[in-house]
N, C-alpha and C. Protein backbone atom coordinates (compact mmCIF):
# COMPACT_ATOMS: atom_id res chain seq x y z
N MET A 1 -11.18 -41.11 -11.28
CA MET A 1 -10.79 -39.88 -10.85
C MET A 1 -9.66 -39.27 -11.87
N THR A 2 -9.94 -38.17 -12.34
CA THR A 2 -8.99 -37.51 -13.38
C THR A 2 -8.76 -36.09 -12.95
N VAL A 3 -7.33 -35.77 -12.85
CA VAL A 3 -6.90 -34.43 -12.59
C VAL A 3 -6.15 -33.92 -13.74
N SER A 4 -6.38 -32.61 -13.95
CA SER A 4 -5.75 -32.05 -15.26
C SER A 4 -5.31 -30.59 -14.78
N LEU A 5 -3.94 -30.35 -15.04
CA LEU A 5 -3.58 -28.97 -14.81
C LEU A 5 -3.17 -28.17 -16.06
N VAL A 6 -3.84 -27.19 -16.25
CA VAL A 6 -3.69 -26.44 -17.46
C VAL A 6 -3.15 -25.00 -17.14
N GLU A 7 -2.22 -24.55 -17.98
CA GLU A 7 -1.62 -23.13 -17.50
C GLU A 7 -2.48 -22.10 -18.04
N GLY A 8 -2.87 -21.15 -17.27
CA GLY A 8 -3.73 -20.01 -17.37
C GLY A 8 -2.87 -18.73 -17.16
N TRP A 9 -3.26 -17.63 -17.50
CA TRP A 9 -2.38 -16.44 -17.51
C TRP A 9 -2.16 -16.00 -15.98
N ARG A 10 -2.98 -16.48 -14.98
CA ARG A 10 -2.73 -16.22 -13.61
C ARG A 10 -2.02 -17.39 -12.90
N GLY A 11 -1.76 -18.46 -13.62
CA GLY A 11 -1.10 -19.70 -12.99
C GLY A 11 -1.97 -20.84 -13.40
N GLU A 12 -1.55 -21.97 -12.65
CA GLU A 12 -2.45 -23.29 -12.95
C GLU A 12 -3.96 -23.32 -12.72
N ILE A 13 -4.53 -23.93 -13.64
CA ILE A 13 -6.06 -24.12 -13.59
C ILE A 13 -6.24 -25.60 -13.33
N CYS A 14 -6.80 -26.03 -12.21
CA CYS A 14 -7.00 -27.56 -11.97
C CYS A 14 -8.32 -27.91 -12.26
N HIS A 15 -8.45 -29.08 -13.05
CA HIS A 15 -9.64 -29.65 -13.38
C HIS A 15 -9.73 -30.88 -12.70
N THR A 16 -10.81 -31.29 -12.03
CA THR A 16 -10.90 -32.61 -11.54
C THR A 16 -12.34 -33.17 -11.74
N ALA A 17 -12.37 -34.37 -12.27
CA ALA A 17 -13.54 -35.02 -12.73
C ALA A 17 -13.62 -36.49 -11.99
N LEU A 18 -14.93 -36.77 -11.68
CA LEU A 18 -15.28 -38.09 -11.12
C LEU A 18 -16.26 -38.63 -12.10
N THR A 19 -16.22 -39.83 -12.40
CA THR A 19 -17.15 -40.41 -13.26
C THR A 19 -17.98 -41.62 -12.66
N ASP A 20 -19.01 -42.19 -13.17
CA ASP A 20 -19.70 -43.30 -12.68
C ASP A 20 -19.27 -44.45 -13.63
N GLU A 21 -19.98 -45.72 -13.40
CA GLU A 21 -19.60 -46.93 -14.12
C GLU A 21 -19.62 -46.72 -15.69
N SER A 22 -20.64 -45.77 -16.08
CA SER A 22 -20.87 -45.72 -17.48
C SER A 22 -20.01 -44.54 -18.20
N GLY A 23 -19.25 -43.92 -17.24
CA GLY A 23 -18.53 -42.86 -17.85
C GLY A 23 -18.98 -41.48 -17.87
N ARG A 24 -20.13 -41.30 -17.25
CA ARG A 24 -20.78 -40.05 -17.02
C ARG A 24 -20.19 -39.35 -16.00
N PHE A 25 -20.09 -38.00 -16.15
CA PHE A 25 -19.56 -37.26 -15.04
C PHE A 25 -20.58 -37.25 -13.87
N THR A 26 -20.05 -37.41 -12.65
CA THR A 26 -20.83 -37.35 -11.36
C THR A 26 -20.45 -35.97 -10.73
N VAL A 27 -19.14 -35.71 -10.90
CA VAL A 27 -18.58 -34.48 -10.09
C VAL A 27 -17.51 -33.92 -11.13
N TYR A 28 -17.76 -32.45 -11.27
CA TYR A 28 -16.53 -31.90 -12.03
C TYR A 28 -16.20 -30.47 -11.33
N LYS A 29 -15.01 -30.16 -11.00
CA LYS A 29 -14.62 -29.10 -10.19
C LYS A 29 -13.40 -28.49 -10.92
N VAL A 30 -13.47 -26.97 -10.97
CA VAL A 30 -12.52 -26.31 -11.52
C VAL A 30 -11.96 -25.36 -10.47
N VAL A 31 -10.68 -25.43 -10.36
CA VAL A 31 -9.99 -24.58 -9.28
C VAL A 31 -9.23 -23.43 -9.93
N ASP A 32 -9.56 -22.30 -9.66
CA ASP A 32 -8.83 -21.08 -10.35
C ASP A 32 -7.46 -20.88 -9.67
N PRO A 33 -6.54 -20.43 -10.27
CA PRO A 33 -5.20 -20.13 -9.64
C PRO A 33 -5.25 -19.20 -8.45
N SER A 34 -6.20 -18.37 -8.42
CA SER A 34 -6.35 -17.47 -7.31
C SER A 34 -6.61 -18.18 -5.97
N PHE A 35 -7.25 -19.34 -5.99
CA PHE A 35 -7.61 -20.05 -4.91
C PHE A 35 -6.32 -20.46 -4.17
N HIS A 36 -5.10 -20.74 -4.76
CA HIS A 36 -3.86 -21.20 -4.31
C HIS A 36 -3.07 -19.90 -3.79
N ASN A 37 -3.22 -18.85 -4.49
CA ASN A 37 -2.40 -17.61 -4.36
C ASN A 37 -2.95 -16.66 -3.18
N TRP A 38 -4.18 -16.69 -2.84
CA TRP A 38 -4.67 -15.94 -1.53
C TRP A 38 -3.78 -16.15 -0.49
N SER A 39 -3.37 -17.36 -0.22
CA SER A 39 -2.45 -17.50 1.18
C SER A 39 -1.18 -16.70 0.83
N GLY A 40 -0.68 -16.83 -0.44
CA GLY A 40 0.69 -15.97 -0.66
C GLY A 40 0.47 -14.46 -0.24
N LEU A 41 -0.90 -14.00 -0.68
CA LEU A 41 -0.98 -12.38 -0.23
C LEU A 41 -1.24 -12.32 1.19
N ALA A 42 -1.83 -13.14 1.76
CA ALA A 42 -1.82 -13.11 3.31
C ALA A 42 -0.36 -13.08 3.98
N LEU A 43 0.35 -14.03 3.50
CA LEU A 43 1.89 -14.12 3.98
C LEU A 43 2.59 -12.70 3.69
N ALA A 44 2.43 -12.16 2.37
CA ALA A 44 3.06 -11.01 2.03
C ALA A 44 2.71 -9.79 2.96
N LEU A 45 1.40 -9.74 3.28
CA LEU A 45 0.96 -8.68 4.28
C LEU A 45 1.17 -8.98 5.71
N ARG A 46 1.61 -9.95 6.12
CA ARG A 46 1.77 -10.20 7.62
C ARG A 46 2.80 -9.25 8.09
N GLY A 47 2.30 -8.57 9.18
CA GLY A 47 3.17 -7.62 9.93
C GLY A 47 3.25 -6.22 9.19
N GLN A 48 2.47 -6.04 8.11
CA GLN A 48 2.52 -4.83 7.48
C GLN A 48 1.26 -3.83 7.69
N GLN A 49 1.32 -2.72 7.38
CA GLN A 49 0.39 -1.79 7.63
C GLN A 49 -0.83 -2.06 6.73
N ILE A 50 -1.96 -1.80 7.22
CA ILE A 50 -3.13 -1.89 6.30
C ILE A 50 -3.29 -1.11 5.22
N SER A 51 -2.56 0.01 5.20
CA SER A 51 -2.47 0.86 3.97
C SER A 51 -1.65 0.28 2.80
N ASP A 52 -0.90 -0.93 3.10
CA ASP A 52 -0.19 -1.61 2.05
C ASP A 52 -1.05 -2.50 1.23
N PHE A 53 -2.24 -2.91 1.85
CA PHE A 53 -3.10 -3.80 1.27
C PHE A 53 -3.36 -3.68 -0.20
N PRO A 54 -3.81 -2.28 -0.54
CA PRO A 54 -4.24 -2.08 -1.93
C PRO A 54 -3.14 -2.33 -2.95
N LEU A 55 -1.92 -1.85 -2.66
CA LEU A 55 -0.73 -2.04 -3.60
C LEU A 55 -0.40 -3.62 -3.72
N CYS A 56 -0.31 -4.28 -2.57
CA CYS A 56 -0.07 -5.76 -2.63
C CYS A 56 -1.22 -6.59 -3.25
N ASN A 57 -2.40 -6.15 -3.04
CA ASN A 57 -3.65 -6.78 -3.64
C ASN A 57 -3.46 -6.64 -5.19
N LYS A 58 -3.28 -5.53 -5.69
CA LYS A 58 -3.06 -5.31 -7.12
C LYS A 58 -1.88 -6.10 -7.75
N SER A 59 -0.77 -6.11 -6.95
CA SER A 59 0.38 -6.75 -7.51
C SER A 59 0.18 -8.28 -7.66
N PHE A 60 -0.59 -8.84 -6.74
CA PHE A 60 -0.98 -10.25 -6.87
C PHE A 60 -1.92 -10.47 -8.07
N ASN A 61 -2.82 -9.54 -8.18
CA ASN A 61 -3.79 -9.52 -9.41
C ASN A 61 -4.68 -10.87 -9.19
N LEU A 62 -5.26 -11.06 -8.05
CA LEU A 62 -6.03 -12.29 -7.80
C LEU A 62 -7.42 -12.04 -8.26
N SER A 63 -8.11 -13.05 -8.62
CA SER A 63 -9.51 -13.17 -8.89
C SER A 63 -10.35 -13.27 -7.90
N TYR A 64 -11.35 -12.31 -7.59
CA TYR A 64 -12.17 -12.61 -6.49
C TYR A 64 -13.24 -13.54 -6.82
N CYS A 65 -13.80 -13.56 -8.08
CA CYS A 65 -14.77 -14.57 -8.42
C CYS A 65 -14.22 -15.95 -8.60
N GLY A 66 -12.93 -16.07 -9.03
CA GLY A 66 -12.23 -17.23 -9.30
C GLY A 66 -12.17 -18.11 -8.01
N HIS A 67 -12.09 -17.34 -6.93
CA HIS A 67 -11.74 -18.15 -5.52
C HIS A 67 -13.18 -18.80 -5.24
N ASP A 68 -14.33 -18.31 -5.83
CA ASP A 68 -15.55 -19.12 -5.31
C ASP A 68 -16.16 -20.04 -6.25
N LEU A 69 -15.14 -20.39 -7.21
CA LEU A 69 -15.65 -21.45 -8.25
C LEU A 69 -16.04 -22.75 -7.62
């Protein structure tokens, strides 16, 4: 198993790879920085009005599609 963290403009990008006995990839996963940061947005909005969501959401600048990688 190999794990690599690479700096991206939204934060760390995590690459994880598993190989078989011949060194061929069996699993390769990329985790976008937004995956880790969505929980931060949830904490920032806890106890706030729903009208605060658009401003906070844009402040965090999270990737919707990056969460589903």
